[in-house]
C-alpha atoms as a PDB file:
ATOM      1  CA  MET A   1     -41.696  67.197 262.117  1.00  0.00           C
ATOM      2  CA  ARG A   2     -43.798  64.547 260.356  1.00  0.00           C
ATOM      3  CA  ILE A   3     -43.138  66.044 257.047  1.00  0.00           C
ATOM      4  CA  LEU A   4     -39.450  66.127 257.677  1.00  0.00           C
ATOM      5  CA  THR A   5     -39.458  62.540 258.868  1.00  0.00           C
ATOM      6  CA  LEU A   6     -41.453  61.462 255.860  1.00  0.00           C
ATOM      7  CA  THR A   7     -39.299  63.115 253.498  1.00  0.00           C
ATOM      8  CA  ALA A   8     -36.213  61.609 254.896  1.00  0.00           C
ATOM      9  CA  LEU A   9     -37.869  58.055 254.694  1.00  0.00           C
ATOM     10  CA  LEU A  10     -38.857  58.758 251.006  1.00  0.00           C
ATOM     11  CA  LEU A  11     -35.266  59.913 250.187  1.00  0.00           C
ATOM     12  CA  THR A  12     -33.797  56.820 251.849  1.00  0.00           C
ATOM     13  CA  LEU A  13     -36.169  54.422 249.956  1.00  0.00           C
ATOM     14  CA  ALA A  14     -35.445  56.192 246.592  1.00  0.00           C
ATOM     15  CA  ALA A  15     -31.635  55.752 247.187  1.00  0.00           C
ATOM     16  CA  CYS A  16     -32.321  52.015 247.779  1.00  0.00           C
ATOM     17  CA  VAL A  17     -34.195  51.705 244.476  1.00  0.00           C
ATOM     18  CA  ASP A  18     -31.294  53.331 242.655  1.00  0.00           C
ATOM     19  CA  SER A  19     -28.673  51.087 244.158  1.00  0.00           C
ATOM     20  CA  ILE A  20     -29.936  47.767 243.204  1.00  0.00           C
ATOM     21  CA  ASP A  21     -27.306  45.152 244.126  1.00  0.00           C
ATOM     22  CA  TYR A  22     -26.525  42.882 241.135  1.00  0.00           C
ATOM     23  CA  GLN A  23     -23.854  40.897 242.762  1.00  0.00           C
ATOM     24  CA  ALA A  24     -25.814  37.714 242.555  1.00  0.00           C
ATOM     25  CA  ALA A  25     -26.142  38.192 238.909  1.00  0.00           C
ATOM     26  CA  VAL A  26     -22.549  38.975 238.370  1.00  0.00           C
ATOM     27  CA  ASP A  27     -21.596  35.881 240.445  1.00  0.00           C
ATOM     28  CA  ALA A  28     -23.878  33.651 238.338  1.00  0.00           C
ATOM     29  CA  ALA A  29     -22.453  35.189 235.123  1.00  0.00           C
ATOM     30  CA  ARG A  30     -18.789  34.481 236.230  1.00  0.00           C
ATOM     31  CA  ALA A  31     -19.780  30.943 237.211  1.00  0.00           C
ATOM     32  CA  SER A  32     -21.198  30.223 233.694  1.00  0.00           C
ATOM     33  CA  GLY A  33     -18.505  32.069 231.861  1.00  0.00           C
ATOM     34  CA  ASN A  34     -20.648  34.892 230.604  1.00  0.00           C
ATOM     35  CA  PRO A  35     -18.568  38.055 230.257  1.00  0.00           C
ATOM     36  CA  VAL A  36     -21.242  40.792 231.141  1.00  0.00           C
ATOM     37  CA  VAL A  37     -24.470  41.193 232.972  1.00  0.00           C
ATOM     38  CA  ILE A  38     -27.059  43.534 231.332  1.00  0.00           C
ATOM     39  CA  THR A  39     -28.822  45.355 234.022  1.00  0.00           C
ATOM     40  CA  ARG A  40     -31.207  47.650 231.911  1.00  0.00           C
ATOM     41  CA  VAL A  41     -32.630  47.834 228.360  1.00  0.00           C
ATOM     42  CA  SER A  42     -35.038  50.709 227.930  1.00  0.00           C
ATOM     43  CA  THR A  43     -36.388  53.325 225.658  1.00  0.00           C
ATOM     44  CA  SER A  44     -37.544  56.839 226.184  1.00  0.00           C
ATOM     45  CA  SER A  45     -41.008  58.147 225.412  1.00  0.00           C
ATOM     46  CA  PRO A  46     -41.181  59.563 221.839  1.00  0.00           C
ATOM     47  CA  ASN A  47     -40.130  63.254 221.785  1.00  0.00           C
ATOM     48  CA  SER A  48     -42.107  65.857 219.772  1.00  0.00           C
ATOM     49  CA  ALA A  49     -40.683  64.613 216.455  1.00  0.00           C
ATOM     50  CA  GLY A  50     -41.323  60.917 217.387  1.00  0.00           C
ATOM     51  CA  GLY A  51     -37.607  60.393 218.222  1.00  0.00           C
ATOM     52  CA  VAL A  52     -37.046  57.472 220.779  1.00  0.00           C
ATOM     53  CA  ASP A  53     -33.786  57.135 222.680  1.00  0.00           C
ATOM     54  CA  VAL A  54     -32.417  53.862 223.791  1.00  0.00           C
ATOM     55  CA  GLU A  55     -30.415  52.957 226.938  1.00  0.00           C
ATOM     56  CA  VAL A  56     -28.429  49.770 227.790  1.00  0.00           C
ATOM     57  CA  ASP A  57     -26.544  49.467 231.072  1.00  0.00           C
ATOM     58  CA  ALA A  58     -24.174  46.605 231.821  1.00  0.00           C
ATOM     59  CA  ILE A  59     -21.518  45.234 234.228  1.00  0.00           C
ATOM     60  CA  ASN A  60     -18.319  43.634 233.235  1.00  0.00           C
ATOM     61  CA  ALA A  61     -18.379  40.194 234.861  1.00  0.00           C
ATOM     62  CA  SER A  62     -15.203  38.994 233.213  1.00  0.00           C
ATOM     63  CA  SER A  63     -11.604  39.109 234.392  1.00  0.00           C
ATOM     64  CA  LYS A  64     -10.636  41.079 231.255  1.00  0.00           C
ATOM     65  CA  THR A  65     -11.194  44.796 230.451  1.00  0.00           C
ATOM     66  CA  VAL A  66     -13.854  45.472 227.887  1.00  0.00           C
ATOM     67  CA  LYS A  67     -12.959  47.682 224.949  1.00  0.00           C
ATOM     68  CA  TYR A  68     -16.436  47.833 223.305  1.00  0.00           C
ATOM     69  CA  LEU A  69     -19.827  46.628 223.831  1.00  0.00           C
ATOM     70  CA  ASP A  70     -21.855  46.364 220.466  1.00  0.00           C
ATOM     71  CA  TYR A  71     -25.628  45.997 220.682  1.00  0.00           C
ATOM     72  CA  THR A  72     -28.245  45.435 218.088  1.00  0.00           C
ATOM     73  CA  LEU A  73     -31.581  46.246 219.361  1.00  0.00           C
ATOM     74  CA  ARG A  74     -35.156  45.924 217.820  1.00  0.00           C
ATOM     75  CA  ALA A  75     -38.044  48.208 218.465  1.00  0.00           C
ATOM     76  CA  PHE A  76     -41.623  47.069 219.476  1.00  0.00           C
ATOM     77  CA  ASN A  77     -45.005  48.690 220.012  1.00  0.00           C
ATOM     78  CA  ALA A  78     -47.369  48.263 222.972  1.00  0.00           C
ATOM     79  CA  VAL A  79     -48.758  44.905 221.724  1.00  0.00           C
ATOM     80  CA  GLY A  80     -45.353  43.421 221.293  1.00  0.00           C
ATOM     81  CA  ASP A  81     -45.135  43.717 217.433  1.00  0.00           C
ATOM     82  CA  PRO A  82     -41.930  44.788 215.692  1.00  0.00           C
ATOM     83  CA  VAL A  83     -41.966  48.422 214.422  1.00  0.00           C
ATOM     84  CA  ARG A  84     -39.939  50.259 211.933  1.00  0.00           C
ATOM     85  CA  GLY A  85     -38.616  53.837 212.282  1.00  0.00           C
ATOM     86  CA  ASP A  86     -40.437  56.274 210.090  1.00  0.00           C
ATOM     87  CA  ILE A  87     -37.155  57.722 208.569  1.00  0.00           C
ATOM     88  CA  ARG A  88     -34.624  54.962 208.213  1.00  0.00           C
ATOM     89  CA  ARG A  89     -37.525  52.428 207.836  1.00  0.00           C
ATOM     90  CA  ARG A  90     -35.514  49.877 209.872  1.00  0.00           C
ATOM     91  CA  ASN A  91     -36.627  47.906 212.904  1.00  0.00           C
ATOM     92  CA  SER A  92     -33.191  47.404 214.369  1.00  0.00           C
ATOM     93  CA  VAL A  93     -30.453  49.894 215.362  1.00  0.00           C
ATOM     94  CA  ASP A  94     -26.783  49.108 216.201  1.00  0.00           C
ATOM     95  CA  VAL A  95     -25.146  51.191 218.931  1.00  0.00           C
ATOM     96  CA  ARG A  96     -21.661  50.918 220.542  1.00  0.00           C
ATOM     97  CA  GLU A  97     -20.591  51.440 224.141  1.00  0.00           C
ATOM     98  CA  THR A  98     -16.989  52.534 224.436  1.00  0.00           C
ATOM     99  CA  GLY A  99     -14.884  51.512 227.324  1.00  0.00           C
ATOM    100  CA  PRO A 100     -12.489  50.793 228.835  1.00  0.00           C
ATOM    101  CA  ILE A 101     -14.719  48.931 231.319  1.00  0.00           C
ATOM    102  CA  PRO A 102     -12.518  47.273 233.901  1.00  0.00           C
ATOM    103  CA  PRO A 103     -13.536  43.849 235.506  1.00  0.00           C
ATOM    104  CA  GLY A 104     -16.439  44.652 237.908  1.00  0.00           C
ATOM    105  CA  GLY A 105     -17.018  48.124 236.208  1.00  0.00           C
ATOM    106  CA  LYS A 106     -20.308  49.438 234.965  1.00  0.00           C
ATOM    107  CA  THR A 107     -20.992  51.156 231.705  1.00  0.00           C
ATOM    108  CA  ALA A 108     -21.286  54.931 231.636  1.00  0.00           C
ATOM    109  CA  PRO A 109     -24.891  56.372 232.051  1.00  0.00           C
ATOM    110  CA  GLY A 110     -26.248  57.658 228.926  1.00  0.00           C
ATOM    111  CA  ALA A 111     -28.498  57.165 225.864  1.00  0.00           C
ATOM    112  CA  TRP A 112     -28.310  56.926 222.160  1.00  0.00           C
ATOM    113  CA  GLU A 113     -30.605  59.645 221.218  1.00  0.00           C
ATOM    114  CA  ASN A 114     -33.289  59.378 218.509  1.00  0.00           C
ATOM    115  CA  SER A 115     -32.459  55.783 217.596  1.00  0.00           C
ATOM    116  CA  TRP A 116     -35.717  55.502 215.826  1.00  0.00           C
ATOM    117  CA  TYR A 117     -38.579  58.055 214.819  1.00  0.00           C
ATOM    118  CA  ASN A 118     -41.956  56.337 215.444  1.00  0.00           C
ATOM    119  CA  TYR A 119     -44.564  57.419 218.016  1.00  0.00           C
ATOM    120  CA  SER A 120     -45.697  53.871 218.634  1.00  0.00           C
ATOM    121  CA  ILE A 121     -42.428  52.377 219.994  1.00  0.00           C
ATOM    122  CA  VAL A 122     -42.620  51.615 223.727  1.00  0.00           C
ATOM    123  CA  CYS A 123     -39.785  49.149 224.196  1.00  0.00           C
ATOM    124  CA  ALA A 124     -36.614  47.477 222.698  1.00  0.00           C
ATOM    125  CA  ARG A 125     -35.143  44.087 222.829  1.00  0.00           C
ATOM    126  CA  LEU A 126     -31.598  42.983 222.203  1.00  0.00           C
ATOM    127  CA  SER A 127     -31.078  40.776 219.140  1.00  0.00           C
ATOM    128  CA  LYS A 128     -27.256  40.662 219.338  1.00  0.00           C
ATOM    129  CA  VAL A 129     -24.523  41.559 221.882  1.00  0.00           C
ATOM    130  CA  THR A 130     -20.855  41.501 221.034  1.00  0.00           C
ATOM    131  CA  VAL A 131     -18.392  41.984 223.821  1.00  0.00           C
ATOM    132  CA  ILE A 132     -14.869  43.026 222.531  1.00  0.00           C
ATOM    133  CA  PHE A 133     -12.010  42.958 224.955  1.00  0.00           C
ATOM    134  CA  MET A 134      -8.759  45.112 225.009  1.00  0.00           C
ATOM    135  CA  ASP A 135      -6.716  42.314 223.610  1.00  0.00           C
ATOM    136  CA  ASN A 136      -9.196  42.372 220.701  1.00  0.00           C
ATOM    137  CA  SER A 137     -10.739  39.012 221.405  1.00  0.00           C
ATOM    138  CA  SER A 138     -14.574  38.981 221.417  1.00  0.00           C
ATOM    139  CA  ARG A 139     -17.644  36.972 222.260  1.00  0.00           C
ATOM    140  CA  THR A 140     -20.982  37.335 220.444  1.00  0.00           C
ATOM    141  CA  PHE A 141     -24.383  36.383 221.741  1.00  0.00           C
ATOM    142  CA  THR A 142     -27.696  36.143 219.720  1.00  0.00           C
ATOM    143  CA  GLY A 143     -31.015  34.507 220.163  1.00  0.00           C
ATOM    144  CA  GLN A 144     -31.643  32.669 223.403  1.00  0.00           C
ATOM    145  CA  SER A 145     -28.002  33.019 224.570  1.00  0.00           C
ATOM    146  CA  ILE A 146     -28.797  36.835 225.221  1.00  0.00           C
ATOM    147  CA  ASN A 147     -31.110  35.811 228.049  1.00  0.00           C
ATOM    148  CA  ASN A 148     -28.116  34.457 229.901  1.00  0.00           C
ATOM    149  CA  LEU A 149     -26.702  37.957 230.145  1.00  0.00           C
ATOM    150  CA  LEU A 150     -29.694  39.588 231.515  1.00  0.00           C
ATOM    151  CA  ALA A 151     -30.131  40.509 235.106  1.00  0.00           C
ATOM    152  CA  PRO A 152     -33.686  40.033 236.567  1.00  0.00           C
ATOM    153  CA  GLY A 153     -35.829  42.886 235.403  1.00  0.00           C
ATOM    154  CA  ALA A 154     -33.425  44.179 232.845  1.00  0.00           C
ATOM    155  CA  TYR A 155     -36.140  44.528 230.175  1.00  0.00           C
ATOM    156  CA  GLN A 156     -38.589  47.430 230.137  1.00  0.00           C
ATOM    157  CA  SER A 157     -42.149  45.984 229.722  1.00  0.00           C
ATOM    158  CA  CYS A 158     -43.588  46.155 226.320  1.00  0.00           C
ATOM    159  CA  GLU A 159     -47.143  46.275 227.557  1.00  0.00           C
END
Protein backbone atom coordinates (compact mmCIF):
# COMPACT_ATOMS: atom_id res chain seq x y z
CA MET A 1 0.00 0.00 0.00
CA ARG A 2 2.84 2.40 0.85
CA ILE A 3 4.51 1.75 -2.50
CA LEU A 4 1.25 2.48 -4.33
CA THR A 5 0.75 5.74 -2.39
CA LEU A 6 4.36 6.80 -2.95
CA THR A 7 4.09 6.03 -6.68
CA ALA A 8 0.90 8.10 -6.96
CA LEU A 9 2.58 11.00 -5.15
CA LEU A 10 5.63 10.90 -7.43
CA LEU A 11 3.46 10.82 -10.56
CA THR A 12 1.50 13.82 -9.28
CA LEU A 13 4.71 15.76 -8.59
CA ALA A 14 6.10 14.87 -12.03
CA ALA A 15 2.93 16.20 -13.67
CA CYS A 16 3.32 19.47 -11.77
CA VAL A 17 6.88 19.91 -13.00
CA ASP A 18 5.83 19.36 -16.63
CA SER A 19 2.97 21.85 -16.46
CA ILE A 20 4.76 24.99 -15.30
CA ASP A 21 2.43 27.97 -15.44
CA TYR A 22 3.93 30.72 -17.57
CA GLN A 23 0.90 33.00 -17.32
CA ALA A 24 2.76 35.66 -15.32
CA ALA A 25 5.50 35.77 -17.97
CA VAL A 26 2.91 35.98 -20.77
CA ASP A 27 1.08 38.79 -18.96
CA ALA A 28 4.37 40.68 -18.48
CA ALA A 29 5.24 40.21 -22.16
CA ARG A 30 1.86 41.54 -23.25
CA ALA A 31 2.18 44.54 -20.92
CA SER A 32 5.60 45.41 -22.35
CA GLY A 33 4.63 44.72 -25.97
CA ASN A 34 6.81 41.65 -26.45
CA PRO A 35 5.22 39.18 -28.88
CA VAL A 36 6.58 35.91 -27.48
CA VAL A 37 7.75 34.30 -24.27
CA ILE A 38 10.59 31.82 -24.70
CA THR A 39 10.16 29.09 -22.11
CA ARG A 40 13.10 26.83 -22.91
CA VAL A 41 16.41 26.83 -24.76
CA SER A 42 18.32 23.58 -24.35
CA THR A 43 20.74 21.19 -26.01
CA SER A 44 20.96 17.43 -25.93
CA SER A 45 24.02 15.53 -24.84
CA PRO A 46 26.24 14.76 -27.83
CA ASN A 47 25.30 11.53 -29.63
CA SER A 48 27.89 8.89 -30.60
CA ALA A 49 29.06 11.06 -33.52
CA GLY A 50 29.15 14.27 -31.46
CA GLY A 51 25.85 15.56 -32.87
CA VAL A 52 24.03 17.98 -30.57
CA ASP A 53 20.32 18.75 -30.91
CA VAL A 54 18.83 22.10 -29.91
CA GLU A 55 15.33 22.82 -28.63
CA VAL A 56 13.49 26.13 -28.23
CA ASP A 57 9.97 26.37 -26.82
CA ALA A 58 7.86 29.54 -26.91
CA ILE A 59 4.39 30.93 -26.27
CA ASN A 60 2.75 33.49 -28.54
CA ALA A 61 1.99 36.45 -26.25
CA SER A 62 0.75 38.71 -29.04
CA SER A 63 -2.76 39.26 -30.36
CA LYS A 64 -1.68 38.13 -33.86
CA THR A 65 -1.01 34.65 -35.23
CA VAL A 66 2.68 33.84 -35.66
CA LYS A 67 3.73 32.43 -39.03
CA TYR A 68 7.40 31.71 -38.26
CA LEU A 69 9.82 32.02 -35.37
CA ASP A 70 13.41 32.30 -36.63
CA TYR A 71 16.16 31.69 -34.09
CA THR A 72 19.92 32.11 -34.27
CA LEU A 73 21.70 30.20 -31.51
CA ARG A 74 25.34 30.01 -30.41
CA ALA A 75 26.96 26.95 -28.81
CA PHE A 76 29.04 27.02 -25.62
CA ASN A 77 31.18 24.58 -23.63
CA ALA A 78 31.13 23.81 -19.91
CA VAL A 79 33.18 26.89 -18.98
CA GLY A 80 31.03 29.27 -21.02
CA ASP A 81 33.35 29.70 -24.00
CA PRO A 82 31.87 29.75 -27.53
CA VAL A 83 32.53 26.52 -29.46
CA ARG A 84 32.41 25.72 -33.17
CA GLY A 85 30.99 22.61 -34.72
CA ASP A 86 33.63 20.22 -36.05
CA ILE A 87 32.00 19.84 -39.48
CA ARG A 88 30.60 23.24 -40.52
CA ARG A 89 33.14 25.10 -38.33
CA ARG A 90 30.42 27.53 -37.22
CA ASN A 91 29.52 28.63 -33.72
CA SER A 92 25.98 29.65 -34.68
CA VAL A 93 23.03 27.88 -36.24
CA ASP A 94 19.82 29.29 -37.73
CA VAL A 95 16.60 27.34 -37.16
CA ARG A 96 12.94 28.02 -37.96
CA GLU A 97 9.76 27.10 -36.12
CA THR A 98 6.81 26.96 -38.52
CA GLY A 99 3.37 28.00 -37.31
CA PRO A 100 0.68 28.89 -37.36
CA ILE A 101 0.89 29.65 -33.65
CA PRO A 102 -2.34 31.33 -32.51
CA PRO A 103 -2.42 34.00 -29.77
CA GLY A 104 -1.72 32.20 -26.50
CA GLY A 105 -0.55 29.09 -28.38
CA LYS A 106 2.66 27.17 -27.76
CA THR A 107 5.25 25.96 -30.25
CA ALA A 108 5.18 22.28 -31.16
CA PRO A 109 7.51 20.01 -29.18
CA GLY A 110 10.57 18.90 -31.08
CA ALA A 111 14.25 19.49 -31.72
CA TRP A 112 16.53 20.51 -34.53
CA GLU A 113 18.72 17.43 -34.72
CA ASN A 114 22.49 17.53 -35.08
CA SER A 115 22.68 21.32 -35.16
CA TRP A 116 26.39 21.03 -34.32
CA TYR A 117 28.91 18.21 -34.10
CA ASN A 118 31.20 18.79 -31.14
CA TYR A 119 31.51 16.70 -27.97
CA SER A 120 32.22 19.74 -25.77
CA ILE A 121 28.92 21.56 -26.38
CA VAL A 122 26.78 21.71 -23.22
CA CYS A 123 24.41 24.61 -23.92
CA ALA A 124 23.20 27.19 -26.42
CA ARG A 125 22.20 30.83 -26.17
CA LEU A 126 19.96 32.87 -28.44
CA SER A 127 21.68 35.66 -30.38
CA LYS A 128 18.71 36.61 -32.58
CA VAL A 129 14.95 36.02 -32.56
CA THR A 130 12.68 37.10 -35.41
CA VAL A 131 8.92 36.80 -35.06
CA ILE A 132 7.08 36.80 -38.40
CA PHE A 133 3.30 37.18 -38.27
CA MET A 134 0.71 35.88 -40.75
CA ASP A 135 0.33 39.41 -42.17
CA ASN A 136 4.12 39.26 -42.94
CA SER A 137 4.97 41.98 -40.43
CA SER A 138 7.91 41.06 -38.21
CA ARG A 139 9.87 41.98 -35.10
CA THR A 140 13.53 41.17 -34.54
CA PHE A 141 15.30 40.94 -31.19
CA THR A 142 19.08 40.85 -30.65
CA GLY A 143 21.49 41.41 -27.79
CA GLN A 144 19.97 42.42 -24.46
CA SER A 145 16.46 42.71 -25.92
CA ILE A 146 16.32 38.89 -26.09
CA ASN A 147 16.41 38.79 -22.29
CA ASN A 148 13.00 40.50 -22.26
CA LEU A 149 11.54 37.49 -24.10
CA LEU A 150 12.85 34.84 -21.69
CA ALA A 151 10.68 33.24 -19.01
CA PRO A 152 12.47 32.62 -15.71
CA GLY A 153 14.65 29.52 -16.02
CA ALA A 154 14.40 29.34 -19.82
CA TYR A 155 18.12 28.78 -20.36
CA GLN A 156 19.82 25.49 -19.65
CA SER A 157 22.85 26.01 -17.43
CA CYS A 158 26.24 26.19 -19.13
CA GLU A 159 28.06 24.96 -16.05
